[in-house]
């Protein structure tokens, strides 16, 4: 109750607003309004995108697309670990009062049961993590690789069933092409940032 959010508004210059606009306000009350205080006339932002689209280029990181599958993988691993721990210990199924419960030990032991009281004790084991779980986890991981653009080749892994050197060279060239676009954009962002700093300093 003792603080307020202060908003700063920047508008770059164009033919209808040749000097741009800067405004500062809080809770709908205008505190300051003047021309854009940057001689270069641009916004005080250098945009560095993860990927470029023909339709639009916005500051949406691919990490945003990886949040949901990352949470999903973490939850799946928790469930798998819990299920594995539950199934790791064998279960003894027996009729009530058919054997001495205290004769069970952590090491080798003998169970004497009373004939005629239910069925003989049965040691039961089961698989806590089914095969479908690993298929689903692999599918989610491939989805994350596709959205992040980081595949096995990026980590130095050889492609499955790829024996010809030409195939490996092709994937290596694709990786270099993908990385070079990011390097070019990163260099352009640094250059633009430097120009803006020099302009403001001048």
N, C-alpha and C. Protein backbone atom coordinates (compact mmCIF):
# COMPACT_ATOMS: atom_id res chain seq x y z
N UNK A 1 0.79 -1.21 0.00
CA UNK A 1 0.00 0.00 0.00
C UNK A 1 0.83 1.26 0.00
N UNK A 2 2.13 1.18 0.31
CA UNK A 2 2.98 2.36 0.38
C UNK A 2 3.86 2.51 -0.87
N UNK A 3 3.57 1.76 -1.89
CA UNK A 3 4.39 1.86 -3.10
C UNK A 3 3.48 1.82 -4.33
N UNK A 4 4.00 2.35 -5.43
CA UNK A 4 3.27 2.38 -6.70
C UNK A 4 4.20 1.93 -7.82
N UNK A 5 3.61 1.41 -8.87
CA UNK A 5 4.37 1.00 -10.05
C UNK A 5 4.55 2.21 -10.96
N UNK A 6 5.78 2.48 -11.33
CA UNK A 6 6.08 3.58 -12.24
C UNK A 6 6.33 3.01 -13.63
N UNK A 7 5.62 3.56 -14.61
CA UNK A 7 5.73 3.09 -15.99
C UNK A 7 6.52 4.10 -16.81
N UNK A 8 7.38 3.58 -17.68
CA UNK A 8 8.11 4.42 -18.62
C UNK A 8 7.71 4.00 -20.04
N UNK A 9 7.36 4.97 -20.83
CA UNK A 9 6.87 4.73 -22.18
C UNK A 9 7.83 5.35 -23.20
N UNK A 10 8.28 4.56 -24.16
CA UNK A 10 9.16 5.04 -25.22
C UNK A 10 8.46 4.83 -26.56
N UNK A 11 8.58 5.80 -27.44
CA UNK A 11 8.06 5.67 -28.79
C UNK A 11 9.12 6.19 -29.76
N UNK A 12 9.53 5.32 -30.67
CA UNK A 12 10.58 5.73 -31.61
C UNK A 12 10.02 6.75 -32.61
N UNK A 13 10.92 7.45 -33.28
CA UNK A 13 10.50 8.51 -34.20
C UNK A 13 9.97 7.93 -35.51
N UNK A 14 9.03 8.62 -36.10
CA UNK A 14 8.57 8.31 -37.45
C UNK A 14 8.02 9.61 -38.05
N UNK A 15 7.42 9.55 -39.22
CA UNK A 15 7.05 10.78 -39.92
C UNK A 15 5.94 11.56 -39.20
N UNK A 16 5.13 10.87 -38.42
CA UNK A 16 4.09 11.57 -37.66
C UNK A 16 4.58 12.04 -36.29
N UNK A 17 5.70 11.49 -35.85
CA UNK A 17 6.27 11.85 -34.56
C UNK A 17 7.78 11.96 -34.75
N UNK A 18 8.24 13.05 -35.38
CA UNK A 18 9.64 13.13 -35.82
C UNK A 18 10.66 13.08 -34.68
N UNK A 19 10.29 13.49 -33.47
CA UNK A 19 11.24 13.50 -32.37
C UNK A 19 10.99 12.38 -31.36
N UNK A 20 10.09 11.48 -31.69
CA UNK A 20 9.79 10.40 -30.76
C UNK A 20 9.06 10.92 -29.53
N UNK A 21 8.91 10.08 -28.54
CA UNK A 21 8.20 10.49 -27.32
C UNK A 21 8.65 9.62 -26.14
N UNK A 22 8.82 10.30 -25.02
CA UNK A 22 9.11 9.62 -23.76
C UNK A 22 8.11 10.12 -22.72
N UNK A 23 7.51 9.21 -21.97
CA UNK A 23 6.56 9.58 -20.93
C UNK A 23 6.78 8.70 -19.72
N UNK A 24 6.53 9.28 -18.55
CA UNK A 24 6.66 8.55 -17.30
C UNK A 24 5.40 8.83 -16.48
N UNK A 25 4.74 7.78 -16.01
CA UNK A 25 3.49 7.97 -15.28
C UNK A 25 3.32 6.88 -14.24
N UNK A 26 2.41 7.12 -13.30
CA UNK A 26 2.13 6.18 -12.23
C UNK A 26 0.64 6.24 -11.94
N UNK A 27 -0.02 5.10 -11.96
CA UNK A 27 -1.46 4.99 -11.68
C UNK A 27 -2.30 5.96 -12.51
N UNK A 28 -1.94 6.09 -13.78
CA UNK A 28 -2.70 6.97 -14.65
C UNK A 28 -2.37 8.44 -14.53
N UNK A 29 -1.46 8.83 -13.65
CA UNK A 29 -1.06 10.23 -13.48
C UNK A 29 0.23 10.46 -14.25
N UNK A 30 0.21 11.38 -15.19
CA UNK A 30 1.39 11.68 -16.01
C UNK A 30 2.39 12.50 -15.21
N UNK A 31 3.59 11.98 -15.06
CA UNK A 31 4.63 12.66 -14.29
C UNK A 31 5.58 13.45 -15.18
N UNK A 32 5.82 12.94 -16.38
CA UNK A 32 6.79 13.60 -17.27
C UNK A 32 6.46 13.22 -18.70
N UNK A 33 6.60 14.18 -19.59
CA UNK A 33 6.36 13.94 -21.01
C UNK A 33 7.29 14.84 -21.81
N UNK A 34 8.08 14.25 -22.69
CA UNK A 34 9.04 15.03 -23.49
C UNK A 34 9.42 14.23 -24.73
N UNK A 35 10.26 14.82 -25.54
CA UNK A 35 10.74 14.12 -26.72
C UNK A 35 11.66 12.98 -26.31
N UNK A 36 11.83 12.05 -27.21
CA UNK A 36 12.71 10.92 -26.92
C UNK A 36 14.12 11.42 -26.67
N UNK A 37 14.71 11.12 -25.51
CA UNK A 37 16.00 11.71 -25.15
C UNK A 37 17.20 11.07 -25.82
N UNK A 38 16.99 10.35 -26.90
CA UNK A 38 18.10 9.70 -27.58
C UNK A 38 18.26 10.31 -28.96
N UNK A 39 19.46 10.74 -29.24
CA UNK A 39 19.68 11.42 -30.51
C UNK A 39 19.57 10.47 -31.70
N UNK A 40 19.75 9.18 -31.47
CA UNK A 40 19.63 8.24 -32.59
C UNK A 40 18.18 7.98 -32.95
N UNK A 41 17.23 8.41 -32.10
CA UNK A 41 15.82 8.31 -32.43
C UNK A 41 15.23 6.93 -32.31
N UNK A 42 16.00 5.97 -31.84
CA UNK A 42 15.52 4.60 -31.72
C UNK A 42 15.16 4.28 -30.28
N UNK A 43 14.52 3.16 -30.08
CA UNK A 43 14.20 2.72 -28.73
C UNK A 43 15.47 2.29 -28.01
N UNK A 44 15.53 2.43 -26.69
CA UNK A 44 16.73 2.01 -25.95
C UNK A 44 16.79 0.50 -25.78
N UNK A 45 16.62 -0.21 -26.87
CA UNK A 45 16.57 -1.67 -26.84
C UNK A 45 17.34 -2.21 -28.05
N UNK A 46 18.14 -3.21 -27.83
CA UNK A 46 18.77 -3.95 -28.91
C UNK A 46 18.16 -5.34 -28.92
N UNK A 47 17.46 -5.66 -29.98
CA UNK A 47 16.73 -6.93 -30.05
C UNK A 47 17.65 -8.04 -30.54
N UNK A 48 17.62 -9.13 -29.83
CA UNK A 48 18.39 -10.32 -30.22
C UNK A 48 17.44 -11.51 -30.15
N UNK A 49 17.03 -12.01 -31.30
CA UNK A 49 16.01 -13.05 -31.37
C UNK A 49 16.65 -14.43 -31.43
N UNK A 50 15.90 -15.41 -30.93
CA UNK A 50 16.34 -16.80 -31.04
C UNK A 50 16.06 -17.36 -32.42
N UNK A 51 14.95 -16.96 -33.01
CA UNK A 51 14.62 -17.42 -34.36
C UNK A 51 13.85 -16.30 -35.05
N UNK A 52 13.90 -16.29 -36.36
CA UNK A 52 13.24 -15.26 -37.15
C UNK A 52 12.12 -15.89 -37.97
N UNK A 53 11.01 -15.19 -38.02
CA UNK A 53 9.85 -15.64 -38.78
C UNK A 53 9.55 -14.62 -39.87
N UNK A 54 9.02 -15.09 -40.99
CA UNK A 54 8.66 -14.18 -42.08
C UNK A 54 7.51 -13.27 -41.65
N UNK A 55 6.60 -13.83 -40.85
CA UNK A 55 5.43 -13.07 -40.43
C UNK A 55 5.80 -12.01 -39.40
N UNK A 56 6.56 -12.40 -38.39
CA UNK A 56 6.91 -11.45 -37.33
C UNK A 56 8.21 -11.90 -36.68
N UNK A 57 8.87 -10.95 -36.06
CA UNK A 57 10.10 -11.22 -35.31
C UNK A 57 9.93 -10.61 -33.93
N UNK A 58 9.70 -11.44 -32.95
CA UNK A 58 9.42 -10.95 -31.61
C UNK A 58 10.37 -11.60 -30.62
N UNK A 59 10.41 -11.01 -29.42
CA UNK A 59 11.35 -11.47 -28.41
C UNK A 59 10.85 -12.68 -27.64
N UNK A 60 10.51 -13.71 -28.33
CA UNK A 60 10.03 -14.94 -27.69
C UNK A 60 11.15 -15.96 -27.69
N UNK A 61 11.63 -16.31 -26.53
CA UNK A 61 12.74 -17.24 -26.42
C UNK A 61 12.24 -18.68 -26.55
N UNK A 62 13.09 -19.54 -27.12
CA UNK A 62 12.69 -20.94 -27.24
C UNK A 62 12.61 -21.61 -25.87
N UNK A 63 13.19 -20.98 -24.85
CA UNK A 63 13.05 -21.52 -23.51
C UNK A 63 11.59 -21.50 -23.05
N UNK A 64 10.81 -20.53 -23.56
CA UNK A 64 9.40 -20.49 -23.22
C UNK A 64 8.69 -21.74 -23.73
N UNK A 65 9.10 -22.21 -24.91
CA UNK A 65 8.49 -23.41 -25.48
C UNK A 65 8.94 -24.68 -24.76
N UNK A 66 10.05 -24.59 -24.05
CA UNK A 66 10.59 -25.77 -23.38
C UNK A 66 10.14 -25.88 -21.92
N UNK A 67 9.43 -24.86 -21.42
CA UNK A 67 9.02 -24.90 -20.01
C UNK A 67 8.09 -26.07 -19.74
N UNK A 68 7.02 -26.18 -20.53
CA UNK A 68 6.02 -27.22 -20.29
C UNK A 68 6.60 -28.63 -20.44
N UNK A 69 7.33 -28.94 -21.54
CA UNK A 69 7.90 -30.30 -21.61
C UNK A 69 8.95 -30.56 -20.54
N UNK A 70 9.66 -29.52 -20.08
CA UNK A 70 10.64 -29.72 -19.01
C UNK A 70 9.95 -30.10 -17.71
N UNK A 71 8.85 -29.40 -17.39
CA UNK A 71 8.09 -29.75 -16.20
C UNK A 71 7.52 -31.15 -16.34
N UNK A 72 7.07 -31.48 -17.55
CA UNK A 72 6.50 -32.81 -17.79
C UNK A 72 7.55 -33.90 -17.58
N UNK A 73 8.76 -33.68 -18.08
CA UNK A 73 9.84 -34.67 -17.91
C UNK A 73 10.17 -34.83 -16.42
N UNK A 74 10.25 -33.71 -15.69
CA UNK A 74 10.56 -33.78 -14.26
C UNK A 74 9.50 -34.56 -13.50
N UNK A 75 8.21 -34.28 -13.79
CA UNK A 75 7.13 -35.00 -13.11
C UNK A 75 7.14 -36.48 -13.47
N UNK A 76 7.43 -36.79 -14.73
CA UNK A 76 7.48 -38.19 -15.15
C UNK A 76 8.60 -38.93 -14.42
N UNK A 77 9.75 -38.28 -14.27
CA UNK A 77 10.87 -38.92 -13.59
C UNK A 77 10.56 -39.13 -12.11
N UNK A 78 9.84 -38.19 -11.49
CA UNK A 78 9.45 -38.36 -10.09
C UNK A 78 8.52 -39.56 -9.94
N UNK A 79 7.54 -39.66 -10.83
CA UNK A 79 6.59 -40.77 -10.78
C UNK A 79 7.31 -42.09 -11.04
N UNK A 80 8.21 -42.10 -12.02
CA UNK A 80 8.94 -43.33 -12.35
C UNK A 80 9.82 -43.76 -11.18
N UNK A 81 10.50 -42.80 -10.55
CA UNK A 81 11.35 -43.14 -9.42
C UNK A 81 10.54 -43.71 -8.26
N UNK A 82 9.39 -43.07 -7.99
CA UNK A 82 8.53 -43.54 -6.90
C UNK A 82 8.00 -44.95 -7.22
N UNK A 83 7.55 -45.16 -8.45
CA UNK A 83 7.05 -46.47 -8.84
C UNK A 83 8.14 -47.53 -8.79
N UNK A 84 9.35 -47.15 -9.19
CA UNK A 84 10.46 -48.10 -9.16
C UNK A 84 10.79 -48.50 -7.72
N UNK A 85 10.78 -47.51 -6.82
CA UNK A 85 11.08 -47.81 -5.41
C UNK A 85 10.01 -48.71 -4.81
N UNK A 86 8.74 -48.46 -5.16
CA UNK A 86 7.67 -49.28 -4.64
C UNK A 86 7.80 -50.72 -5.12
N UNK A 87 8.16 -50.89 -6.39
CA UNK A 87 8.24 -52.23 -6.97
C UNK A 87 9.57 -52.91 -6.68
N UNK A 88 10.56 -52.16 -6.17
CA UNK A 88 11.88 -52.76 -5.97
C UNK A 88 11.87 -53.80 -4.85
N UNK A 89 10.98 -53.65 -3.87
CA UNK A 89 10.93 -54.59 -2.76
C UNK A 89 9.86 -55.65 -3.05
N UNK A 90 10.22 -56.92 -2.94
CA UNK A 90 9.22 -57.97 -3.18
C UNK A 90 8.13 -57.95 -2.11
N UNK A 91 6.95 -58.35 -2.49
CA UNK A 91 5.80 -58.35 -1.60
C UNK A 91 5.43 -59.78 -1.23
N UNK A 92 5.16 -60.01 0.05
CA UNK A 92 4.76 -61.33 0.53
C UNK A 92 3.26 -61.32 0.80
N UNK A 93 2.54 -62.14 0.06
CA UNK A 93 1.08 -62.23 0.20
C UNK A 93 0.76 -63.53 0.94
N UNK A 94 0.04 -63.41 2.04
CA UNK A 94 -0.30 -64.58 2.84
C UNK A 94 -1.59 -64.31 3.60
N UNK A 95 -2.25 -65.38 3.99
CA UNK A 95 -3.47 -65.25 4.78
C UNK A 95 -3.14 -64.76 6.18
N UNK A 96 -4.08 -64.05 6.79
CA UNK A 96 -3.86 -63.49 8.12
C UNK A 96 -3.69 -64.61 9.15
N UNK A 97 -2.70 -64.44 10.01
CA UNK A 97 -2.40 -65.40 11.09
C UNK A 97 -2.00 -66.78 10.56
N UNK A 98 -1.48 -66.84 9.32
CA UNK A 98 -1.06 -68.14 8.78
C UNK A 98 0.44 -68.40 9.01
N UNK A 99 1.19 -67.38 9.45
CA UNK A 99 2.62 -67.58 9.72
C UNK A 99 3.05 -66.54 10.74
N UNK A 100 4.24 -66.77 11.25
CA UNK A 100 4.80 -65.88 12.25
C UNK A 100 5.42 -64.67 11.54
N UNK A 101 4.78 -63.55 11.66
CA UNK A 101 5.24 -62.34 10.97
C UNK A 101 6.62 -61.92 11.44
N UNK A 102 6.95 -62.16 12.70
CA UNK A 102 8.23 -61.72 13.25
C UNK A 102 9.39 -62.60 12.83
N UNK A 103 9.11 -63.71 12.12
CA UNK A 103 10.21 -64.55 11.65
C UNK A 103 10.87 -63.98 10.40
N UNK A 104 10.27 -62.94 9.81
CA UNK A 104 10.85 -62.31 8.62
C UNK A 104 12.03 -61.44 9.04
N UNK A 105 13.08 -61.49 8.25
CA UNK A 105 14.30 -60.72 8.54
C UNK A 105 14.80 -60.09 7.24
N UNK A 106 15.80 -59.21 7.39
CA UNK A 106 16.36 -58.57 6.20
C UNK A 106 17.19 -59.53 5.37
N UNK A 107 17.84 -60.49 6.02
CA UNK A 107 18.65 -61.46 5.30
C UNK A 107 17.86 -62.72 4.98
N UNK A 108 18.55 -63.83 4.68
CA UNK A 108 17.85 -65.10 4.43
C UNK A 108 17.09 -65.54 5.67
N UNK A 109 15.88 -66.01 5.47
CA UNK A 109 15.06 -66.45 6.59
C UNK A 109 14.10 -67.54 6.11
N UNK A 110 13.47 -68.19 7.08
CA UNK A 110 12.51 -69.26 6.82
C UNK A 110 11.18 -68.86 7.40
N UNK A 111 10.11 -69.06 6.62
CA UNK A 111 8.75 -68.76 7.08
C UNK A 111 8.01 -70.07 7.29
N UNK A 112 7.54 -70.28 8.49
CA UNK A 112 6.71 -71.45 8.79
C UNK A 112 5.25 -71.02 8.82
N UNK A 113 4.46 -71.63 7.96
CA UNK A 113 3.05 -71.24 7.90
C UNK A 113 2.18 -72.41 8.37
N UNK A 114 1.00 -72.10 8.76
CA UNK A 114 0.06 -73.10 9.28
C UNK A 114 -0.77 -73.67 8.13
N UNK A 115 -0.64 -74.94 7.84
CA UNK A 115 -1.43 -75.52 6.75
C UNK A 115 -2.92 -75.41 7.05
N UNK A 116 -3.67 -75.25 5.99
CA UNK A 116 -5.12 -75.17 6.11
C UNK A 116 -5.65 -73.78 6.36
N UNK A 117 -4.76 -72.84 6.67
CA UNK A 117 -5.18 -71.45 6.89
C UNK A 117 -4.83 -70.66 5.62
N UNK A 118 -5.76 -70.67 4.69
CA UNK A 118 -5.53 -69.96 3.43
C UNK A 118 -4.47 -70.65 2.58
N UNK A 119 -4.02 -69.96 1.56
CA UNK A 119 -2.99 -70.48 0.67
C UNK A 119 -1.61 -70.24 1.26
N UNK A 120 -0.62 -71.01 0.83
CA UNK A 120 0.76 -70.78 1.32
C UNK A 120 1.21 -69.36 0.95
N UNK A 121 2.08 -68.76 1.74
CA UNK A 121 2.60 -67.42 1.41
C UNK A 121 3.22 -67.41 0.02
N UNK A 122 2.99 -66.31 -0.68
CA UNK A 122 3.47 -66.18 -2.07
C UNK A 122 4.29 -64.89 -2.19
N UNK A 123 5.50 -65.03 -2.71
CA UNK A 123 6.37 -63.87 -2.91
C UNK A 123 6.08 -63.29 -4.30
N UNK A 124 5.67 -62.01 -4.32
CA UNK A 124 5.22 -61.37 -5.56
C UNK A 124 6.15 -60.21 -5.90
N UNK A 125 6.59 -60.18 -7.14
CA UNK A 125 7.36 -59.04 -7.66
C UNK A 125 6.68 -58.56 -8.94
N UNK A 126 6.88 -57.29 -9.27
CA UNK A 126 6.29 -56.74 -10.49
C UNK A 126 7.15 -55.59 -10.99
N UNK A 127 6.92 -55.23 -12.24
CA UNK A 127 7.67 -54.14 -12.87
C UNK A 127 6.92 -52.84 -12.64
N UNK A 128 7.52 -51.92 -11.89
CA UNK A 128 6.84 -50.68 -11.56
C UNK A 128 6.82 -49.67 -12.68
N UNK A 129 7.77 -49.74 -13.61
CA UNK A 129 7.85 -48.78 -14.72
C UNK A 129 7.66 -49.56 -16.02
N UNK A 130 6.57 -49.27 -16.71
CA UNK A 130 6.26 -49.98 -17.94
C UNK A 130 7.07 -49.43 -19.10
N UNK A 131 7.12 -50.19 -20.21
CA UNK A 131 7.89 -49.80 -21.37
C UNK A 131 7.31 -48.54 -22.04
N UNK A 132 5.99 -48.36 -21.96
CA UNK A 132 5.37 -47.18 -22.57
C UNK A 132 5.90 -45.88 -21.97
N UNK A 133 6.33 -45.95 -20.70
CA UNK A 133 6.87 -44.73 -20.07
C UNK A 133 8.10 -44.24 -20.79
N UNK A 134 9.01 -45.14 -21.14
CA UNK A 134 10.25 -44.74 -21.81
C UNK A 134 9.96 -44.25 -23.22
N UNK A 135 8.95 -44.82 -23.89
CA UNK A 135 8.58 -44.34 -25.21
C UNK A 135 8.06 -42.91 -25.14
N UNK A 136 7.24 -42.62 -24.12
CA UNK A 136 6.71 -41.27 -23.96
C UNK A 136 7.81 -40.28 -23.60
N UNK A 137 8.71 -40.67 -22.72
CA UNK A 137 9.80 -39.76 -22.34
C UNK A 137 10.71 -39.47 -23.52
N UNK A 138 10.98 -40.48 -24.36
CA UNK A 138 11.79 -40.25 -25.57
C UNK A 138 11.07 -39.29 -26.52
N UNK A 139 9.75 -39.42 -26.62
CA UNK A 139 8.98 -38.53 -27.49
C UNK A 139 9.06 -37.09 -27.00
N UNK A 140 8.96 -36.88 -25.70
CA UNK A 140 9.03 -35.53 -25.15
C UNK A 140 10.43 -34.95 -25.33
N UNK A 141 11.45 -35.76 -25.17
CA UNK A 141 12.82 -35.29 -25.34
C UNK A 141 13.09 -34.91 -26.80
N UNK A 142 12.54 -35.68 -27.74
CA UNK A 142 12.69 -35.33 -29.16
C UNK A 142 11.97 -34.01 -29.46
N UNK A 143 10.83 -33.80 -28.81
CA UNK A 143 10.11 -32.53 -28.97
C UNK A 143 10.96 -31.37 -28.48
N UNK A 144 11.64 -31.55 -27.35
CA UNK A 144 12.50 -30.50 -26.82
C UNK A 144 13.69 -30.25 -27.74
N UNK A 145 14.25 -31.30 -28.29
CA UNK A 145 15.36 -31.13 -29.24
C UNK A 145 14.92 -30.34 -30.46
N UNK A 146 13.73 -30.65 -30.95
CA UNK A 146 13.22 -29.97 -32.15
C UNK A 146 13.01 -28.49 -31.89
N UNK A 147 12.46 -28.13 -30.73
CA UNK A 147 12.18 -26.73 -30.43
C UNK A 147 13.43 -25.95 -30.06
N UNK A 148 14.42 -26.62 -29.48
CA UNK A 148 15.65 -25.91 -29.10
C UNK A 148 16.67 -25.89 -30.21
N UNK A 149 16.51 -26.77 -31.22
CA UNK A 149 17.49 -26.83 -32.30
C UNK A 149 18.79 -27.47 -31.89
N UNK A 150 18.79 -28.17 -30.78
CA UNK A 150 19.98 -28.84 -30.28
C UNK A 150 19.77 -30.35 -30.39
N UNK A 151 20.41 -30.95 -31.36
CA UNK A 151 20.25 -32.38 -31.60
C UNK A 151 21.50 -33.13 -31.15
N UNK A 152 21.46 -34.44 -31.33
CA UNK A 152 22.59 -35.26 -30.91
C UNK A 152 23.88 -34.86 -31.59
N UNK A 153 23.79 -34.42 -32.84
CA UNK A 153 25.00 -34.00 -33.56
C UNK A 153 25.64 -32.80 -32.88
N UNK A 154 24.79 -31.92 -32.28
CA UNK A 154 25.32 -30.75 -31.59
C UNK A 154 26.16 -31.16 -30.39
N UNK A 155 25.84 -32.31 -29.81
CA UNK A 155 26.58 -32.78 -28.64
C UNK A 155 27.67 -33.77 -28.99
N UNK A 156 27.96 -33.90 -30.30
CA UNK A 156 29.04 -34.77 -30.74
C UNK A 156 28.64 -36.22 -30.95
N UNK A 157 27.33 -36.51 -30.92
CA UNK A 157 26.88 -37.88 -31.14
C UNK A 157 26.78 -38.17 -32.62
N UNK A 158 27.10 -39.40 -32.99
CA UNK A 158 26.99 -39.82 -34.39
C UNK A 158 25.54 -40.16 -34.71
N UNK A 159 25.13 -39.87 -35.94
CA UNK A 159 23.77 -40.19 -36.35
C UNK A 159 23.57 -41.70 -36.40
N UNK A 160 22.40 -42.21 -36.00
CA UNK A 160 22.16 -43.66 -36.06
C UNK A 160 22.15 -44.15 -37.50
N UNK A 161 22.79 -45.28 -37.71
CA UNK A 161 22.86 -45.92 -39.03
C UNK A 161 23.57 -45.06 -40.07
N UNK A 162 24.33 -44.06 -39.62
CA UNK A 162 25.08 -43.23 -40.56
C UNK A 162 26.52 -43.71 -40.58
N UNK A 163 26.91 -44.29 -41.68
CA UNK A 163 28.27 -44.82 -41.82
C UNK A 163 29.09 -44.03 -42.84
N UNK A 164 28.39 -43.43 -43.82
CA UNK A 164 29.12 -42.71 -44.86
C UNK A 164 29.58 -41.36 -44.34
N UNK A 165 30.80 -40.99 -44.72
CA UNK A 165 31.34 -39.71 -44.30
C UNK A 165 30.54 -38.55 -44.87
N UNK A 166 29.98 -38.72 -46.06
CA UNK A 166 29.22 -37.64 -46.69
C UNK A 166 27.98 -37.29 -45.86
N UNK A 167 27.34 -38.31 -45.25
CA UNK A 167 26.16 -38.04 -44.43
C UNK A 167 26.56 -37.24 -43.20
N UNK A 168 27.64 -37.64 -42.56
CA UNK A 168 28.11 -36.91 -41.38
C UNK A 168 28.51 -35.49 -41.73
N UNK A 169 29.13 -35.32 -42.91
CA UNK A 169 29.51 -33.97 -43.35
C UNK A 169 28.28 -33.10 -43.57
N UNK A 170 27.21 -33.70 -44.10
CA UNK A 170 25.98 -32.95 -44.35
C UNK A 170 25.40 -32.42 -43.04
N UNK A 171 25.30 -33.29 -42.03
CA UNK A 171 24.76 -32.85 -40.74
C UNK A 171 25.68 -31.83 -40.08
N UNK A 172 26.97 -32.00 -40.25
CA UNK A 172 27.91 -31.03 -39.68
C UNK A 172 27.74 -29.67 -40.33
N UNK A 173 27.52 -29.64 -41.65
CA UNK A 173 27.30 -28.38 -42.34
C UNK A 173 26.00 -27.71 -41.88
N UNK A 174 24.97 -28.53 -41.66
CA UNK A 174 23.70 -27.98 -41.18
C UNK A 174 23.87 -27.34 -39.80
N UNK A 175 24.66 -27.98 -38.93
CA UNK A 175 24.91 -27.42 -37.61
C UNK A 175 25.68 -26.10 -37.71
N UNK A 176 26.68 -26.05 -38.58
CA UNK A 176 27.46 -24.83 -38.74
C UNK A 176 26.59 -23.70 -39.30
N UNK A 177 25.67 -24.04 -40.23
CA UNK A 177 24.79 -23.03 -40.80
C UNK A 177 23.86 -22.47 -39.73
N UNK A 178 23.33 -23.36 -38.88
CA UNK A 178 22.43 -22.91 -37.84
C UNK A 178 23.16 -22.02 -36.83
N UNK A 179 24.37 -22.41 -36.45
CA UNK A 179 25.13 -21.62 -35.47
C UNK A 179 25.60 -20.30 -36.07
N UNK A 180 25.95 -20.30 -37.37
CA UNK A 180 26.47 -19.07 -37.98
C UNK A 180 25.41 -17.99 -38.02
N UNK A 181 24.12 -18.37 -38.20
CA UNK A 181 23.06 -17.35 -38.20
C UNK A 181 22.96 -16.69 -36.84
N UNK A 182 23.09 -17.46 -35.77
CA UNK A 182 23.06 -16.87 -34.43
C UNK A 182 24.27 -15.98 -34.19
N UNK A 183 25.42 -16.39 -34.70
CA UNK A 183 26.63 -15.58 -34.52
C UNK A 183 26.50 -14.27 -35.26
N UNK A 184 25.95 -14.29 -36.49
CA UNK A 184 25.75 -13.06 -37.26
C UNK A 184 24.80 -12.11 -36.53
N UNK A 185 23.70 -12.65 -36.01
CA UNK A 185 22.75 -11.81 -35.29
C UNK A 185 23.37 -11.25 -34.01
N UNK A 186 24.17 -12.07 -33.34
CA UNK A 186 24.82 -11.61 -32.11
C UNK A 186 25.82 -10.50 -32.41
N UNK A 187 26.59 -10.65 -33.49
CA UNK A 187 27.54 -9.60 -33.89
C UNK A 187 26.82 -8.32 -34.28
N UNK A 188 25.70 -8.46 -35.01
CA UNK A 188 24.92 -7.28 -35.40
C UNK A 188 24.35 -6.57 -34.18
N UNK A 189 23.92 -7.34 -33.17
CA UNK A 189 23.39 -6.73 -31.95
C UNK A 189 24.47 -5.96 -31.21
N UNK A 190 25.67 -6.52 -31.14
CA UNK A 190 26.78 -5.83 -30.48
C UNK A 190 27.13 -4.54 -31.23
N UNK A 191 27.14 -4.62 -32.57
CA UNK A 191 27.46 -3.43 -33.37
C UNK A 191 26.41 -2.33 -33.17
N UNK A 192 25.14 -2.72 -33.16
CA UNK A 192 24.07 -1.74 -32.97
C UNK A 192 24.14 -1.12 -31.58
N UNK A 193 24.43 -1.93 -30.59
CA UNK A 193 24.55 -1.43 -29.22
C UNK A 193 25.70 -0.44 -29.12
N UNK A 194 26.83 -0.75 -29.76
CA UNK A 194 27.97 0.16 -29.73
C UNK A 194 27.65 1.50 -30.39
N UNK A 195 26.94 1.44 -31.52
CA UNK A 195 26.56 2.69 -32.20
C UNK A 195 25.65 3.54 -31.34
N UNK A 196 24.70 2.90 -30.65
CA UNK A 196 23.77 3.64 -29.81
C UNK A 196 24.51 4.30 -28.64
N UNK A 197 25.48 3.57 -28.05
CA UNK A 197 26.24 4.13 -26.93
C UNK A 197 27.08 5.32 -27.40
N UNK A 198 27.73 5.20 -28.58
CA UNK A 198 28.54 6.30 -29.11
C UNK A 198 27.69 7.51 -29.44
N UNK A 199 26.51 7.27 -29.99
CA UNK A 199 25.61 8.38 -30.33
C UNK A 199 25.18 9.12 -29.08
N UNK A 200 24.78 8.40 -28.04
CA UNK A 200 24.36 9.03 -26.79
C UNK A 200 25.53 9.76 -26.12
N UNK A 201 26.72 9.15 -26.19
CA UNK A 201 27.90 9.80 -25.60
C UNK A 201 28.23 11.09 -26.34
N UNK A 202 28.11 11.04 -27.68
CA UNK A 202 28.39 12.26 -28.46
C UNK A 202 27.37 13.36 -28.16
